[in-house]
Amino acid sequence: MTTAIVAESDLSLASLDRLAAALRDALARGGAVRLDLAAVAVPDLALLQLVEAARRQAARDGNDLALAAPADGPLARALERSGFTAGFDAADHDFWFHGDPPR
């Protein structure tokens, strides 16, 4: 079973809280979770931190969490601006960019 979670385009504190709850619930149920961030117009550090926290929790619990599509556009730029990509290893690159160079 795969659970798809789609982030809202206009992130706010309330929508970020809903996204966190959806991730928490989906990961608690187990199975694959695919997170769609493509519609997020202005991704910020809070979103990146939430995704990284969920990713680490999923790894600890043996769950399958992945992005529905590789990070590009605003999301790729947010990762770069925040300094996330500076410390990326192969697993980070695979998670965020599906092995493709960022666009």
Protein backbone atom coordinates (compact mmCIF):
# COMPACT_ATOMS: atom_id res chain seq x y z
CA MET A 1 0.00 0.00 0.00
CA THR A 2 1.30 3.43 -0.95
CA THR A 3 0.08 6.62 0.69
CA ALA A 4 0.36 9.82 -1.33
CA ILE A 5 0.66 13.11 0.52
CA VAL A 6 0.41 16.36 -1.42
CA ALA A 7 1.69 19.57 0.18
CA GLU A 8 -0.39 22.70 -0.24
CA SER A 9 0.93 25.35 -2.60
CA ASP A 10 0.87 28.18 -0.07
CA LEU A 11 2.62 26.95 3.03
CA SER A 12 1.71 28.56 6.31
CA LEU A 13 2.14 27.50 9.89
CA ALA A 14 -1.29 25.83 9.78
CA SER A 15 -0.69 23.98 6.50
CA LEU A 16 2.77 22.91 7.65
CA ASP A 17 1.18 21.52 10.80
CA ARG A 18 -1.35 19.59 8.66
CA LEU A 19 1.49 18.26 6.51
CA ALA A 20 3.40 17.14 9.60
CA ALA A 21 0.30 15.36 10.93
CA ALA A 22 -0.32 13.65 7.59
CA LEU A 23 3.30 12.46 7.45
CA ARG A 24 3.17 11.25 11.04
CA ASP A 25 -0.06 9.32 10.44
CA ALA A 26 1.09 7.79 7.16
CA LEU A 27 4.42 6.67 8.60
CA ALA A 28 2.69 5.21 11.65
CA ARG A 29 0.50 3.06 9.35
CA GLY A 30 3.55 1.74 7.53
CA GLY A 31 3.81 1.02 3.84
CA ALA A 32 5.27 3.35 1.27
CA VAL A 33 4.74 7.09 1.57
CA ARG A 34 5.20 9.38 -1.42
CA LEU A 35 5.43 13.08 -0.64
CA ASP A 36 4.50 15.48 -3.42
CA LEU A 37 6.07 18.91 -2.93
CA ALA A 38 5.74 20.04 -6.56
CA ALA A 39 2.96 22.57 -5.89
CA VAL A 40 4.78 24.37 -3.07
CA ALA A 41 5.30 27.86 -4.43
CA VAL A 42 7.71 29.18 -1.80
CA PRO A 43 9.38 26.37 0.13
CA ASP A 44 11.11 27.50 3.29
CA LEU A 45 13.48 26.15 5.88
CA ALA A 46 10.62 24.87 8.05
CA LEU A 47 9.44 22.63 5.20
CA LEU A 48 12.94 21.31 4.56
CA GLN A 49 13.42 20.58 8.26
CA LEU A 50 10.05 18.80 8.44
CA VAL A 51 10.89 16.59 5.46
CA GLU A 52 14.33 15.78 6.83
CA ALA A 53 12.88 14.91 10.24
CA ALA A 54 10.26 12.66 8.63
CA ARG A 55 12.91 11.08 6.46
CA ARG A 56 15.13 10.26 9.44
CA GLN A 57 12.19 8.91 11.44
CA ALA A 58 11.13 6.75 8.49
CA ALA A 59 14.66 5.36 8.18
CA ARG A 60 14.82 4.60 11.92
CA ASP A 61 11.47 2.80 11.77
CA GLY A 62 12.20 0.95 8.53
CA ASN A 63 9.52 2.85 6.56
CA ASP A 64 9.69 3.80 2.90
CA LEU A 65 9.44 7.59 2.48
CA ALA A 66 10.30 9.20 -0.86
CA LEU A 67 9.50 12.30 -2.82
CA ALA A 68 6.95 11.77 -5.58
CA ALA A 69 9.19 13.75 -7.95
CA PRO A 70 12.75 15.05 -7.74
CA ALA A 71 13.26 18.48 -6.22
CA ASP A 72 13.52 21.15 -8.87
CA GLY A 73 12.72 24.81 -9.32
CA PRO A 74 11.89 26.59 -6.06
CA LEU A 75 12.47 23.48 -3.94
CA ALA A 76 15.94 22.87 -5.38
CA ARG A 77 16.79 26.54 -4.88
CA ALA A 78 15.56 26.41 -1.27
CA LEU A 79 17.79 23.41 -0.60
CA GLU A 80 20.76 25.27 -2.05
CA ARG A 81 20.02 28.58 -0.26
CA SER A 82 19.59 26.86 3.08
CA GLY A 83 22.92 25.06 2.77
CA PHE A 84 21.37 21.59 2.75
CA THR A 85 23.08 20.53 -0.47
CA ALA A 86 26.55 21.42 0.83
CA GLY A 87 26.55 18.41 3.10
CA PHE A 88 24.66 15.98 0.86
CA ASP A 89 25.90 12.45 0.56
CA ALA A 90 24.72 9.98 -2.10
CA ALA A 91 21.62 8.98 -0.10
CA ASP A 92 20.61 12.63 0.35
CA HIS A 93 21.09 13.28 -3.35
CA ASP A 94 19.03 10.22 -4.24
CA PHE A 95 16.22 11.23 -1.88
CA TRP A 96 15.90 14.85 -2.95
CA PHE A 97 16.92 14.63 -6.63
CA HIS A 98 16.27 10.95 -7.49
CA GLY A 99 19.87 10.73 -8.65
CA ASP A 100 19.45 13.47 -11.27
CA PRO A 101 21.34 16.76 -11.14
CA PRO A 102 19.16 19.55 -9.70
CA ARG A 103 17.52 21.93 -12.12
